[in-house]
């Protein structure tokens, strides 16, 4: 599994965790905000990876 595939798996795992946490609490809960920030970071990493041409 390459870096891109690993990042996509991490992105999906984080996205699911964020959605589940938001459903159980609220969108403004500290853990949801932290997961959202983590997801943003992962998406930015993936975007940089794609722009570099793998």
PDB file of N, CA and C in Angstrom:
ATOM      1  N   UNK A   1       0.854  -1.183   0.000  1.00  0.00           N
ATOM      2  CA  UNK A   1       0.000   0.000   0.000  1.00  0.00           C
ATOM      3  C   UNK A   1       0.895   1.240   0.000  1.00  0.00           C
ATOM      4  N   UNK A   2       0.656   2.124  -0.949  1.00  0.00           N
ATOM      5  CA  UNK A   2       1.456   3.336  -1.071  1.00  0.00           C
ATOM      6  C   UNK A   2       0.997   4.421  -0.117  1.00  0.00           C
ATOM      7  N   UNK A   3       1.718   5.514  -0.141  1.00  0.00           N
ATOM      8  CA  UNK A   3       1.419   6.639   0.749  1.00  0.00           C
ATOM      9  C   UNK A   3       0.022   7.193   0.482  1.00  0.00           C
ATOM     10  N   UNK A   4      -0.338   7.327  -0.794  1.00  0.00           N
ATOM     11  CA  UNK A   4      -1.658   7.855  -1.142  1.00  0.00           C
ATOM     12  C   UNK A   4      -2.782   6.992  -0.613  1.00  0.00           C
ATOM     13  N   UNK A   5      -2.632   5.684  -0.733  1.00  0.00           N
ATOM     14  CA  UNK A   5      -3.663   4.768  -0.246  1.00  0.00           C
ATOM     15  C   UNK A   5      -3.750   4.812   1.280  1.00  0.00           C
ATOM     16  N   UNK A   6      -2.594   4.930   1.944  1.00  0.00           N
ATOM     17  CA  UNK A   6      -2.578   5.026   3.408  1.00  0.00           C
ATOM     18  C   UNK A   6      -3.261   6.304   3.870  1.00  0.00           C
ATOM     19  N   UNK A   7      -2.975   7.397   3.174  1.00  0.00           N
ATOM     20  CA  UNK A   7      -3.614   8.660   3.526  1.00  0.00           C
ATOM     21  C   UNK A   7      -5.125   8.586   3.321  1.00  0.00           C
ATOM     22  N   UNK A   8      -5.552   7.992   2.226  1.00  0.00           N
ATOM     23  CA  UNK A   8      -6.993   7.852   1.982  1.00  0.00           C
ATOM     24  C   UNK A   8      -7.666   7.022   3.068  1.00  0.00           C
ATOM     25  N   UNK A   9      -7.003   5.962   3.520  1.00  0.00           N
ATOM     26  CA  UNK A   9      -7.556   5.132   4.590  1.00  0.00           C
ATOM     27  C   UNK A   9      -7.648   5.931   5.893  1.00  0.00           C
ATOM     28  N   UNK A  10      -6.622   6.705   6.191  1.00  0.00           N
ATOM     29  CA  UNK A  10      -6.638   7.542   7.395  1.00  0.00           C
ATOM     30  C   UNK A  10      -7.723   8.612   7.305  1.00  0.00           C
ATOM     31  N   UNK A  11      -7.871   9.196   6.119  1.00  0.00           N
ATOM     32  CA  UNK A  11      -8.904  10.212   5.899  1.00  0.00           C
ATOM     33  C   UNK A  11     -10.282   9.615   6.156  1.00  0.00           C
ATOM     34  N   UNK A  12     -10.536   8.448   5.599  1.00  0.00           N
ATOM     35  CA  UNK A  12     -11.853   7.815   5.780  1.00  0.00           C
ATOM     36  C   UNK A  12     -12.096   7.459   7.244  1.00  0.00           C
ATOM     37  N   UNK A  13     -11.095   6.934   7.915  1.00  0.00           N
ATOM     38  CA  UNK A  13     -11.231   6.571   9.327  1.00  0.00           C
ATOM     39  C   UNK A  13     -11.539   7.812  10.166  1.00  0.00           C
ATOM     40  N   UNK A  14     -10.832   8.892   9.914  1.00  0.00           N
ATOM     41  CA  UNK A  14     -11.040  10.137  10.650  1.00  0.00           C
ATOM     42  C   UNK A  14     -12.417  10.725  10.342  1.00  0.00           C
ATOM     43  N   UNK A  15     -12.809  10.677   9.080  1.00  0.00           N
ATOM     44  CA  UNK A  15     -14.124  11.213   8.671  1.00  0.00           C
ATOM     45  C   UNK A  15     -15.247  10.483   9.378  1.00  0.00           C
ATOM     46  N   UNK A  16     -15.168   9.151   9.412  1.00  0.00           N
ATOM     47  CA  UNK A  16     -16.199   8.348  10.070  1.00  0.00           C
ATOM     48  C   UNK A  16     -16.240   8.657  11.571  1.00  0.00           C
ATOM     49  N   UNK A  17     -15.066   8.743  12.194  1.00  0.00           N
ATOM     50  CA  UNK A  17     -14.999   9.048  13.627  1.00  0.00           C
ATOM     51  C   UNK A  17     -15.607  10.417  13.921  1.00  0.00           C
ATOM     52  N   UNK A  18     -15.334  11.395  13.065  1.00  0.00           N
ATOM     53  CA  UNK A  18     -15.881  12.732  13.260  1.00  0.00           C
ATOM     54  C   UNK A  18     -17.401  12.737  13.140  1.00  0.00           C
ATOM     55  N   UNK A  19     -17.919  12.051  12.132  1.00  0.00           N
ATOM     56  CA  UNK A  19     -19.372  11.991  11.934  1.00  0.00           C
ATOM     57  C   UNK A  19     -20.040  11.293  13.113  1.00  0.00           C
ATOM     58  N   UNK A  20     -19.470  10.195  13.572  1.00  0.00           N
ATOM     59  CA  UNK A  20     -20.041   9.467  14.705  1.00  0.00           C
ATOM     60  C   UNK A  20     -19.997  10.307  15.976  1.00  0.00           C
ATOM     61  N   UNK A  21     -18.894  10.987  16.205  1.00  0.00           N
ATOM     62  CA  UNK A  21     -18.782  11.842  17.392  1.00  0.00           C
ATOM     63  C   UNK A  21     -19.776  12.991  17.341  1.00  0.00           C
ATOM     64  N   UNK A  22     -19.920  13.593  16.169  1.00  0.00           N
ATOM     65  CA  UNK A  22     -20.867  14.703  16.030  1.00  0.00           C
ATOM     66  C   UNK A  22     -22.298  14.240  16.241  1.00  0.00           C
ATOM     67  N   UNK A  23     -22.608  13.038  15.784  1.00  0.00           N
ATOM     68  CA  UNK A  23     -23.962  12.505  15.967  1.00  0.00           C
ATOM     69  C   UNK A  23     -24.243  12.206  17.437  1.00  0.00           C
ATOM     70  N   UNK A  24     -23.207  11.819  18.167  1.00  0.00           N
ATOM     71  CA  UNK A  24     -23.378  11.471  19.578  1.00  0.00           C
ATOM     72  C   UNK A  24     -23.333  12.689  20.489  1.00  0.00           C
ATOM     73  N   UNK A  25     -22.678  13.756  20.040  1.00  0.00           N
ATOM     74  CA  UNK A  25     -22.550  14.960  20.874  1.00  0.00           C
ATOM     75  C   UNK A  25     -23.106  16.155  20.124  1.00  0.00           C
ATOM     76  N   UNK A  26     -22.210  16.994  19.645  1.00  0.00           N
ATOM     77  CA  UNK A  26     -22.609  18.138  18.813  1.00  0.00           C
ATOM     78  C   UNK A  26     -21.444  18.499  17.916  1.00  0.00           C
ATOM     79  N   UNK A  27     -21.731  19.275  16.892  1.00  0.00           N
ATOM     80  CA  UNK A  27     -20.686  19.670  15.952  1.00  0.00           C
ATOM     81  C   UNK A  27     -19.643  20.570  16.605  1.00  0.00           C
ATOM     82  N   UNK A  28     -19.990  21.206  17.711  1.00  0.00           N
ATOM     83  CA  UNK A  28     -19.045  22.113  18.366  1.00  0.00           C
ATOM     84  C   UNK A  28     -18.331  21.475  19.555  1.00  0.00           C
ATOM     85  N   UNK A  29     -18.550  20.187  19.788  1.00  0.00           N
ATOM     86  CA  UNK A  29     -17.864  19.498  20.884  1.00  0.00           C
ATOM     87  C   UNK A  29     -16.357  19.490  20.616  1.00  0.00           C
ATOM     88  N   UNK A  30     -15.584  19.582  21.686  1.00  0.00           N
ATOM     89  CA  UNK A  30     -14.121  19.672  21.546  1.00  0.00           C
ATOM     90  C   UNK A  30     -13.535  18.524  20.724  1.00  0.00           C
ATOM     91  N   UNK A  31     -13.994  17.306  20.965  1.00  0.00           N
ATOM     92  CA  UNK A  31     -13.433  16.168  20.232  1.00  0.00           C
ATOM     93  C   UNK A  31     -13.807  16.218  18.744  1.00  0.00           C
ATOM     94  N   UNK A  32     -14.973  16.721  18.422  1.00  0.00           N
ATOM     95  CA  UNK A  32     -15.388  16.844  17.019  1.00  0.00           C
ATOM     96  C   UNK A  32     -14.544  17.907  16.315  1.00  0.00           C
ATOM     97  N   UNK A  33     -14.306  19.007  17.002  1.00  0.00           N
ATOM     98  CA  UNK A  33     -13.469  20.063  16.436  1.00  0.00           C
ATOM     99  C   UNK A  33     -12.040  19.550  16.231  1.00  0.00           C
ATOM    100  N   UNK A  34     -11.537  18.774  17.191  1.00  0.00           N
ATOM    101  CA  UNK A  34     -10.191  18.205  17.060  1.00  0.00           C
ATOM    102  C   UNK A  34     -10.122  17.233  15.883  1.00  0.00           C
ATOM    103  N   UNK A  35     -11.138  16.410  15.727  1.00  0.00           N
ATOM    104  CA  UNK A  35     -11.170  15.477  14.594  1.00  0.00           C
ATOM    105  C   UNK A  35     -11.284  16.219  13.275  1.00  0.00           C
ATOM    106  N   UNK A  36     -12.040  17.294  13.261  1.00  0.00           N
ATOM    107  CA  UNK A  36     -12.166  18.109  12.047  1.00  0.00           C
ATOM    108  C   UNK A  36     -10.816  18.709  11.672  1.00  0.00           C
ATOM    109  N   UNK A  37     -10.082  19.183  12.655  1.00  0.00           N
ATOM    110  CA  UNK A  37      -8.754  19.732  12.411  1.00  0.00           C
ATOM    111  C   UNK A  37      -7.804  18.656  11.892  1.00  0.00           C
ATOM    112  N   UNK A  38      -7.885  17.481  12.488  1.00  0.00           N
ATOM    113  CA  UNK A  38      -7.050  16.362  12.042  1.00  0.00           C
ATOM    114  C   UNK A  38      -7.398  15.980  10.603  1.00  0.00           C
ATOM    115  N   UNK A  39      -8.693  15.963  10.289  1.00  0.00           N
ATOM    116  CA  UNK A  39      -9.133  15.642   8.939  1.00  0.00           C
ATOM    117  C   UNK A  39      -8.620  16.679   7.938  1.00  0.00           C
ATOM    118  N   UNK A  40      -8.688  17.949   8.302  1.00  0.00           N
ATOM    119  CA  UNK A  40      -8.153  19.005   7.433  1.00  0.00           C
ATOM    120  C   UNK A  40      -6.679  18.778   7.150  1.00  0.00           C
ATOM    121  N   UNK A  41      -5.935  18.441   8.185  1.00  0.00           N
ATOM    122  CA  UNK A  41      -4.503  18.192   8.037  1.00  0.00           C
ATOM    123  C   UNK A  41      -4.253  17.022   7.078  1.00  0.00           C
ATOM    124  N   UNK A  42      -4.997  15.935   7.262  1.00  0.00           N
ATOM    125  CA  UNK A  42      -4.839  14.766   6.388  1.00  0.00           C
ATOM    126  C   UNK A  42      -5.199  15.096   4.942  1.00  0.00           C
ATOM    127  N   UNK A  43      -6.269  15.856   4.756  1.00  0.00           N
ATOM    128  CA  UNK A  43      -6.671  16.241   3.402  1.00  0.00           C
ATOM    129  C   UNK A  43      -5.616  17.123   2.743  1.00  0.00           C
ATOM    130  N   UNK A  44      -5.019  18.027   3.514  1.00  0.00           N
ATOM    131  CA  UNK A  44      -3.952  18.869   2.974  1.00  0.00           C
ATOM    132  C   UNK A  44      -2.739  18.037   2.599  1.00  0.00           C
ATOM    133  N   UNK A  45      -2.384  17.058   3.428  1.00  0.00           N
ATOM    134  CA  UNK A  45      -1.275  16.159   3.108  1.00  0.00           C
ATOM    135  C   UNK A  45      -1.557  15.410   1.809  1.00  0.00           C
ATOM    136  N   UNK A  46      -2.774  14.897   1.677  1.00  0.00           N
ATOM    137  CA  UNK A  46      -3.145  14.150   0.479  1.00  0.00           C
ATOM    138  C   UNK A  46      -3.085  15.051  -0.750  1.00  0.00           C
ATOM    139  N   UNK A  47      -3.578  16.267  -0.616  1.00  0.00           N
ATOM    140  CA  UNK A  47      -3.558  17.210  -1.730  1.00  0.00           C
ATOM    141  C   UNK A  47      -2.122  17.504  -2.166  1.00  0.00           C
ATOM    142  N   UNK A  48      -1.231  17.729  -1.195  1.00  0.00           N
ATOM    143  CA  UNK A  48       0.177  17.960  -1.532  1.00  0.00           C
ATOM    144  C   UNK A  48       0.781  16.731  -2.226  1.00  0.00           C
ATOM    145  N   UNK A  49       0.420  15.554  -1.726  1.00  0.00           N
ATOM    146  CA  UNK A  49       0.927  14.302  -2.304  1.00  0.00           C
ATOM    147  C   UNK A  49       0.488  14.172  -3.761  1.00  0.00           C
ATOM    148  N   UNK A  50      -0.766  14.468  -4.031  1.00  0.00           N
ATOM    149  CA  UNK A  50      -1.299  14.384  -5.396  1.00  0.00           C
ATOM    150  C   UNK A  50      -0.623  15.409  -6.299  1.00  0.00           C
ATOM    151  N   UNK A  51      -0.442  16.632  -5.808  1.00  0.00           N
ATOM    152  CA  UNK A  51       0.166  17.684  -6.625  1.00  0.00           C
ATOM    153  C   UNK A  51       1.620  17.390  -6.954  1.00  0.00           C
ATOM    154  N   UNK A  52       2.271  16.620  -6.075  1.00  0.00           N
ATOM    155  CA  UNK A  52       3.669  16.249  -6.331  1.00  0.00           C
ATOM    156  C   UNK A  52       3.774  15.111  -7.345  1.00  0.00           C
ATOM    157  N   UNK A  53       2.646  14.569  -7.724  1.00  0.00           N
ATOM    158  CA  UNK A  53       2.619  13.521  -8.738  1.00  0.00           C
ATOM    159  C   UNK A  53       2.984  12.149  -8.234  1.00  0.00           C
ATOM    160  N   UNK A  54       2.563  11.901  -6.987  1.00  0.00           N
ATOM    161  CA  UNK A  54       2.836  10.610  -6.340  1.00  0.00           C
ATOM    162  C   UNK A  54       4.311  10.521  -6.126  1.00  0.00           C
TER     163      UNK A  54
END
